[in-house]
Amino acid sequence: MTSISFYIKEMSCSNCSENLIKALNKNGFDDVEIDFADRVVTINFDETKFDIQNIKEVISKNGFTPKVVD
């Protein structure tokens, strides 16, 4: 498993975070953690099935701008 975190500027309410989790889950990303206070989403994923671009696309298609957190 690989883990990546994104800062999501637009994640300003609990509805936003819930919608993002649902969208990621629907697309096969089941291990998702949200730090609402810092607006960070962390996704643990199988790099043999997905890559970072797949995750960014799901996030972007749902109205958010993902920025990788180092």
PDB file of N, CA and C in Angstrom:
ATOM      1  N   MET A   1       0.839  -1.183   0.000  1.00  0.00           N
ATOM      2  CA  MET A   1       0.000   0.000   0.000  1.00  0.00           C
ATOM      3  C   MET A   1       0.884   1.247   0.000  1.00  0.00           C
ATOM      4  N   THR A   2       0.389   2.242  -0.673  1.00  0.00           N
ATOM      5  CA  THR A   2       1.042   3.540  -0.740  1.00  0.00           C
ATOM      6  C   THR A   2       0.094   4.573  -0.161  1.00  0.00           C
ATOM      7  N   SER A   3       0.659   5.582   0.456  1.00  0.00           N
ATOM      8  CA  SER A   3      -0.143   6.641   1.053  1.00  0.00           C
ATOM      9  C   SER A   3       0.233   7.976   0.430  1.00  0.00           C
ATOM     10  N   ILE A   4      -0.779   8.809   0.187  1.00  0.00           N
ATOM     11  CA  ILE A   4      -0.540  10.159  -0.318  1.00  0.00           C
ATOM     12  C   ILE A   4      -1.539  11.106   0.332  1.00  0.00           C
ATOM     13  N   SER A   5      -1.076  12.316   0.587  1.00  0.00           N
ATOM     14  CA  SER A   5      -1.941  13.334   1.188  1.00  0.00           C
ATOM     15  C   SER A   5      -2.049  14.527   0.259  1.00  0.00           C
ATOM     16  N   PHE A   6      -3.250  15.093   0.234  1.00  0.00           N
ATOM     17  CA  PHE A   6      -3.520  16.277  -0.579  1.00  0.00           C
ATOM     18  C   PHE A   6      -4.121  17.362   0.303  1.00  0.00           C
ATOM     19  N   TYR A   7      -3.694  18.590   0.072  1.00  0.00           N
ATOM     20  CA  TYR A   7      -4.346  19.752   0.663  1.00  0.00           C
ATOM     21  C   TYR A   7      -5.486  20.115  -0.281  1.00  0.00           C
ATOM     22  N   ILE A   8      -6.688  20.294   0.279  1.00  0.00           N
ATOM     23  CA  ILE A   8      -7.870  20.620  -0.512  1.00  0.00           C
ATOM     24  C   ILE A   8      -8.417  21.963  -0.020  1.00  0.00           C
ATOM     25  N   LYS A   9      -8.039  23.027  -0.691  1.00  0.00           N
ATOM     26  CA  LYS A   9      -8.422  24.380  -0.287  1.00  0.00           C
ATOM     27  C   LYS A   9      -9.938  24.533  -0.161  1.00  0.00           C
ATOM     28  N   GLU A  10     -10.688  23.940  -1.071  1.00  0.00           N
ATOM     29  CA  GLU A  10     -12.144  24.121  -1.132  1.00  0.00           C
ATOM     30  C   GLU A  10     -12.912  23.311  -0.085  1.00  0.00           C
ATOM     31  N   MET A  11     -12.244  22.472   0.672  1.00  0.00           N
ATOM     32  CA  MET A  11     -12.923  21.623   1.650  1.00  0.00           C
ATOM     33  C   MET A  11     -13.199  22.442   2.918  1.00  0.00           C
ATOM     34  N   SER A  12     -14.302  23.171   2.888  1.00  0.00           N
ATOM     35  CA  SER A  12     -14.576  24.135   3.949  1.00  0.00           C
ATOM     36  C   SER A  12     -15.711  23.746   4.893  1.00  0.00           C
ATOM     37  N   CYS A  13     -16.342  22.604   4.645  1.00  0.00           N
ATOM     38  CA  CYS A  13     -17.433  22.188   5.531  1.00  0.00           C
ATOM     39  C   CYS A  13     -17.484  20.665   5.598  1.00  0.00           C
ATOM     40  N   SER A  14     -18.241  20.156   6.556  1.00  0.00           N
ATOM     41  CA  SER A  14     -18.318  18.703   6.717  1.00  0.00           C
ATOM     42  C   SER A  14     -18.992  18.043   5.521  1.00  0.00           C
ATOM     43  N   ASN A  15     -19.930  18.737   4.879  1.00  0.00           N
ATOM     44  CA  ASN A  15     -20.556  18.193   3.665  1.00  0.00           C
ATOM     45  C   ASN A  15     -19.521  17.980   2.571  1.00  0.00           C
ATOM     46  N   CYS A  16     -18.613  18.942   2.434  1.00  0.00           N
ATOM     47  CA  CYS A  16     -17.557  18.829   1.419  1.00  0.00           C
ATOM     48  C   CYS A  16     -16.724  17.576   1.662  1.00  0.00           C
ATOM     49  N   SER A  17     -16.313  17.382   2.907  1.00  0.00           N
ATOM     50  CA  SER A  17     -15.475  16.225   3.207  1.00  0.00           C
ATOM     51  C   SER A  17     -16.244  14.921   3.015  1.00  0.00           C
ATOM     52  N   GLU A  18     -17.513  14.889   3.401  1.00  0.00           N
ATOM     53  CA  GLU A  18     -18.325  13.687   3.204  1.00  0.00           C
ATOM     54  C   GLU A  18     -18.497  13.374   1.719  1.00  0.00           C
ATOM     55  N   ASN A  19     -18.742  14.397   0.917  1.00  0.00           N
ATOM     56  CA  ASN A  19     -18.888  14.193  -0.531  1.00  0.00           C
ATOM     57  C   ASN A  19     -17.596  13.685  -1.151  1.00  0.00           C
ATOM     58  N   LEU A  20     -16.474  14.200  -0.684  1.00  0.00           N
ATOM     59  CA  LEU A  20     -15.186  13.752  -1.208  1.00  0.00           C
ATOM     60  C   LEU A  20     -14.927  12.299  -0.841  1.00  0.00           C
ATOM     61  N   ILE A  21     -15.203  11.931   0.393  1.00  0.00           N
ATOM     62  CA  ILE A  21     -15.028  10.538   0.820  1.00  0.00           C
ATOM     63  C   ILE A  21     -15.910   9.618  -0.016  1.00  0.00           C
ATOM     64  N   LYS A  22     -17.166   9.984  -0.209  1.00  0.00           N
ATOM     65  CA  LYS A  22     -18.082   9.163  -1.012  1.00  0.00           C
ATOM     66  C   LYS A  22     -17.570   8.998  -2.437  1.00  0.00           C
ATOM     67  N   ALA A  23     -17.092  10.080  -3.033  1.00  0.00           N
ATOM     68  CA  ALA A  23     -16.586  10.018  -4.407  1.00  0.00           C
ATOM     69  C   ALA A  23     -15.362   9.118  -4.495  1.00  0.00           C
ATOM     70  N   LEU A  24     -14.463   9.238  -3.542  1.00  0.00           N
ATOM     71  CA  LEU A  24     -13.265   8.391  -3.547  1.00  0.00           C
ATOM     72  C   LEU A  24     -13.643   6.932  -3.322  1.00  0.00           C
ATOM     73  N   ASN A  25     -14.533   6.671  -2.360  1.00  0.00           N
ATOM     74  CA  ASN A  25     -14.988   5.300  -2.104  1.00  0.00           C
ATOM     75  C   ASN A  25     -15.639   4.692  -3.338  1.00  0.00           C
ATOM     76  N   LYS A  26     -16.471   5.468  -4.010  1.00  0.00           N
ATOM     77  CA  LYS A  26     -17.175   5.001  -5.212  1.00  0.00           C
ATOM     78  C   LYS A  26     -16.195   4.596  -6.312  1.00  0.00           C
ATOM     79  N   ASN A  27     -15.023   5.223  -6.315  1.00  0.00           N
ATOM     80  CA  ASN A  27     -14.021   4.947  -7.340  1.00  0.00           C
ATOM     81  C   ASN A  27     -12.948   3.958  -6.882  1.00  0.00           C
ATOM     82  N   GLY A  28     -13.209   3.261  -5.778  1.00  0.00           N
ATOM     83  CA  GLY A  28     -12.326   2.186  -5.353  1.00  0.00           C
ATOM     84  C   GLY A  28     -11.295   2.548  -4.306  1.00  0.00           C
ATOM     85  N   PHE A  29     -11.334   3.766  -3.806  1.00  0.00           N
ATOM     86  CA  PHE A  29     -10.400   4.178  -2.759  1.00  0.00           C
ATOM     87  C   PHE A  29     -11.125   4.078  -1.420  1.00  0.00           C
ATOM     88  N   ASP A  30     -10.883   2.955  -0.714  1.00  0.00           N
ATOM     89  CA  ASP A  30     -11.648   2.672   0.494  1.00  0.00           C
ATOM     90  C   ASP A  30     -10.983   3.157   1.776  1.00  0.00           C
ATOM     91  N   ASP A  31      -9.683   3.398   1.731  1.00  0.00           N
ATOM     92  CA  ASP A  31      -8.950   3.808   2.929  1.00  0.00           C
ATOM     93  C   ASP A  31      -8.647   5.299   2.836  1.00  0.00           C
ATOM     94  N   VAL A  32      -9.602   6.111   3.278  1.00  0.00           N
ATOM     95  CA  VAL A  32      -9.514   7.569   3.153  1.00  0.00           C
ATOM     96  C   VAL A  32      -9.639   8.196   4.537  1.00  0.00           C
ATOM     97  N   GLU A  33      -8.721   9.097   4.847  1.00  0.00           N
ATOM     98  CA  GLU A  33      -8.763   9.823   6.117  1.00  0.00           C
ATOM     99  C   GLU A  33      -8.838  11.315   5.821  1.00  0.00           C
ATOM    100  N   ILE A  34      -9.661  12.017   6.579  1.00  0.00           N
ATOM    101  CA  ILE A  34      -9.820  13.459   6.401  1.00  0.00           C
ATOM    102  C   ILE A  34      -9.376  14.175   7.671  1.00  0.00           C
ATOM    103  N   ASP A  35      -8.525  15.164   7.503  1.00  0.00           N
ATOM    104  CA  ASP A  35      -8.187  16.086   8.591  1.00  0.00           C
ATOM    105  C   ASP A  35      -8.877  17.390   8.226  1.00  0.00           C
ATOM    106  N   PHE A  36     -10.090  17.531   8.725  1.00  0.00           N
ATOM    107  CA  PHE A  36     -10.929  18.661   8.332  1.00  0.00           C
ATOM    108  C   PHE A  36     -10.304  19.994   8.732  1.00  0.00           C
ATOM    109  N   ALA A  37      -9.711  20.057   9.914  1.00  0.00           N
ATOM    110  CA  ALA A  37      -9.130  21.314  10.404  1.00  0.00           C
ATOM    111  C   ALA A  37      -8.021  21.825   9.489  1.00  0.00           C
ATOM    112  N   ASP A  38      -7.204  20.903   8.983  1.00  0.00           N
ATOM    113  CA  ASP A  38      -6.090  21.294   8.107  1.00  0.00           C
ATOM    114  C   ASP A  38      -6.426  21.183   6.623  1.00  0.00           C
ATOM    115  N   ARG A  39      -7.650  20.712   6.324  1.00  0.00           N
ATOM    116  CA  ARG A  39      -8.106  20.536   4.939  1.00  0.00           C
ATOM    117  C   ARG A  39      -7.211  19.571   4.156  1.00  0.00           C
ATOM    118  N   VAL A  40      -6.877  18.470   4.814  1.00  0.00           N
ATOM    119  CA  VAL A  40      -6.002  17.473   4.200  1.00  0.00           C
ATOM    120  C   VAL A  40      -6.739  16.142   4.118  1.00  0.00           C
ATOM    121  N   VAL A  41      -6.643  15.509   2.962  1.00  0.00           N
ATOM    122  CA  VAL A  41      -7.175  14.164   2.773  1.00  0.00           C
ATOM    123  C   VAL A  41      -5.985  13.242   2.516  1.00  0.00           C
ATOM    124  N   THR A  42      -5.973  12.109   3.217  1.00  0.00           N
ATOM    125  CA  THR A  42      -4.921  11.111   3.042  1.00  0.00           C
ATOM    126  C   THR A  42      -5.569   9.844   2.514  1.00  0.00           C
ATOM    127  N   ILE A  43      -4.988   9.308   1.460  1.00  0.00           N
ATOM    128  CA  ILE A  43      -5.533   8.127   0.808  1.00  0.00           C
ATOM    129  C   ILE A  43      -4.462   7.054   0.780  1.00  0.00           C
ATOM    130  N   ASN A  44      -4.812   5.876   1.282  1.00  0.00           N
ATOM    131  CA  ASN A  44      -3.941   4.710   1.190  1.00  0.00           C
ATOM    132  C   ASN A  44      -4.475   3.871   0.038  1.00  0.00           C
ATOM    133  N   PHE A  45      -3.596   3.526  -0.892  1.00  0.00           N
ATOM    134  CA  PHE A  45      -4.068   2.833  -2.089  1.00  0.00           C
ATOM    135  C   PHE A  45      -3.047   1.819  -2.579  1.00  0.00           C
ATOM    136  N   ASP A  46      -3.531   0.895  -3.376  1.00  0.00           N
ATOM    137  CA  ASP A  46      -2.706  -0.143  -3.990  1.00  0.00           C
ATOM    138  C   ASP A  46      -2.124   0.419  -5.282  1.00  0.00           C
ATOM    139  N   GLU A  47      -0.815   0.650  -5.278  1.00  0.00           N
ATOM    140  CA  GLU A  47      -0.171   1.262  -6.442  1.00  0.00           C
ATOM    141  C   GLU A  47      -0.152   0.351  -7.669  1.00  0.00           C
ATOM    142  N   THR A  48      -0.511  -0.920  -7.505  1.00  0.00           N
ATOM    143  CA  THR A  48      -0.609  -1.792  -8.677  1.00  0.00           C
ATOM    144  C   THR A  48      -1.948  -1.603  -9.395  1.00  0.00           C
ATOM    145  N   LYS A  49      -2.917  -0.979  -8.717  1.00  0.00           N
ATOM    146  CA  LYS A  49      -4.235  -0.735  -9.307  1.00  0.00           C
ATOM    147  C   LYS A  49      -4.457   0.723  -9.681  1.00  0.00           C
ATOM    148  N   PHE A  50      -3.875   1.634  -8.901  1.00  0.00           N
ATOM    149  CA  PHE A  50      -4.107   3.065  -9.084  1.00  0.00           C
ATOM    150  C   PHE A  50      -2.792   3.824  -9.053  1.00  0.00           C
ATOM    151  N   ASP A  51      -2.830   5.041  -9.584  1.00  0.00           N
ATOM    152  CA  ASP A  51      -1.687   5.934  -9.429  1.00  0.00           C
ATOM    153  C   ASP A  51      -2.196   7.294  -8.962  1.00  0.00           C
ATOM    154  N   ILE A  52      -1.273   8.174  -8.695  1.00  0.00           N
ATOM    155  CA  ILE A  52      -1.633   9.490  -8.165  1.00  0.00           C
ATOM    156  C   ILE A  52      -2.549  10.242  -9.126  1.00  0.00           C
ATOM    157  N   GLN A  53      -2.322  10.087 -10.409  1.00  0.00           N
ATOM    158  CA  GLN A  53      -3.157  10.782 -11.397  1.00  0.00           C
ATOM    159  C   GLN A  53      -4.616  10.342 -11.300  1.00  0.00           C
ATOM    160  N   ASN A  54      -4.848   9.042 -11.068  1.00  0.00           N
ATOM    161  CA  ASN A  54      -6.223   8.546 -10.882  1.00  0.00           C
ATOM    162  C   ASN A  54      -6.907   9.260  -9.723  1.00  0.00           C
ATOM    163  N   ILE A  55      -6.186   9.405  -8.635  1.00  0.00           N
ATOM    164  CA  ILE A  55      -6.747  10.046  -7.447  1.00  0.00           C
ATOM    165  C   ILE A  55      -7.037  11.516  -7.726  1.00  0.00           C
ATOM    166  N   LYS A  56      -6.083  12.199  -8.344  1.00  0.00           N
ATOM    167  CA  LYS A  56      -6.264  13.621  -8.668  1.00  0.00           C
ATOM    168  C   LYS A  56      -7.489  13.830  -9.556  1.00  0.00           C
ATOM    169  N   GLU A  57      -7.696  12.940 -10.516  1.00  0.00           N
ATOM    170  CA  GLU A  57      -8.844  13.060 -11.418  1.00  0.00           C
ATOM    171  C   GLU A  57     -10.163  12.948 -10.662  1.00  0.00           C
ATOM    172  N   VAL A  58     -10.251  11.985  -9.751  1.00  0.00           N
ATOM    173  CA  VAL A  58     -11.480  11.817  -8.966  1.00  0.00           C
ATOM    174  C   VAL A  58     -11.738  13.069  -8.129  1.00  0.00           C
ATOM    175  N   ILE A  59     -10.700  13.567  -7.487  1.00  0.00           N
ATOM    176  CA  ILE A  59     -10.851  14.757  -6.643  1.00  0.00           C
ATOM    177  C   ILE A  59     -11.266  15.957  -7.493  1.00  0.00           C
ATOM    178  N   SER A  60     -10.601  16.148  -8.619  1.00  0.00           N
ATOM    179  CA  SER A  60     -10.892  17.294  -9.495  1.00  0.00           C
ATOM    180  C   SER A  60     -12.301  17.235 -10.072  1.00  0.00           C
ATOM    181  N   LYS A  61     -12.737  16.037 -10.481  1.00  0.00           N
ATOM    182  CA  LYS A  61     -14.074  15.884 -11.060  1.00  0.00           C
ATOM    183  C   LYS A  61     -15.179  16.212 -10.062  1.00  0.00           C
ATOM    184  N   ASN A  62     -14.824  16.257  -8.791  1.00  0.00           N
ATOM    185  CA  ASN A  62     -15.806  16.563  -7.754  1.00  0.00           C
ATOM    186  C   ASN A  62     -15.680  17.991  -7.237  1.00  0.00           C
ATOM    187  N   GLY A  63     -14.994  18.832  -8.013  1.00  0.00           N
ATOM    188  CA  GLY A  63     -14.961  20.257  -7.716  1.00  0.00           C
ATOM    189  C   GLY A  63     -13.880  20.729  -6.771  1.00  0.00           C
ATOM    190  N   PHE A  64     -12.896  19.874  -6.518  1.00  0.00           N
ATOM    191  CA  PHE A  64     -11.819  20.235  -5.608  1.00  0.00           C
ATOM    192  C   PHE A  64     -10.495  20.312  -6.360  1.00  0.00           C
ATOM    193  N   THR A  65      -9.575  21.096  -5.813  1.00  0.00           N
ATOM    194  CA  THR A  65      -8.247  21.226  -6.404  1.00  0.00           C
ATOM    195  C   THR A  65      -7.241  20.538  -5.486  1.00  0.00           C
ATOM    196  N   PRO A  66      -6.739  19.357  -5.889  1.00  0.00           N
ATOM    197  CA  PRO A  66      -5.798  18.639  -5.031  1.00  0.00           C
ATOM    198  C   PRO A  66      -4.374  19.180  -5.167  1.00  0.00           C
ATOM    199  N   LYS A  67      -3.729  19.374  -4.043  1.00  0.00           N
ATOM    200  CA  LYS A  67      -2.340  19.812  -4.019  1.00  0.00           C
ATOM    201  C   LYS A  67      -1.580  18.850  -3.110  1.00  0.00           C
ATOM    202  N   VAL A  68      -0.594  18.148  -3.662  1.00  0.00           N
ATOM    203  CA  VAL A  68       0.141  17.142  -2.901  1.00  0.00           C
ATOM    204  C   VAL A  68       0.834  17.794  -1.708  1.00  0.00           C
ATOM    205  N   VAL A  69       0.695  17.139  -0.550  1.00  0.00           N
ATOM    206  CA  VAL A  69       1.365  17.578   0.673  1.00  0.00           C
ATOM    207  C   VAL A  69       2.629  16.748   0.809  1.00  0.00           C
ATOM    208  N   ASP A  70       3.749  17.427   0.986  1.00  0.00           N
ATOM    209  CA  ASP A  70       5.034  16.707   1.135  1.00  0.00           C
ATOM    210  C   ASP A  70       5.174  16.103   2.507  1.00  0.00           C
TER     211      ASP A  70
END
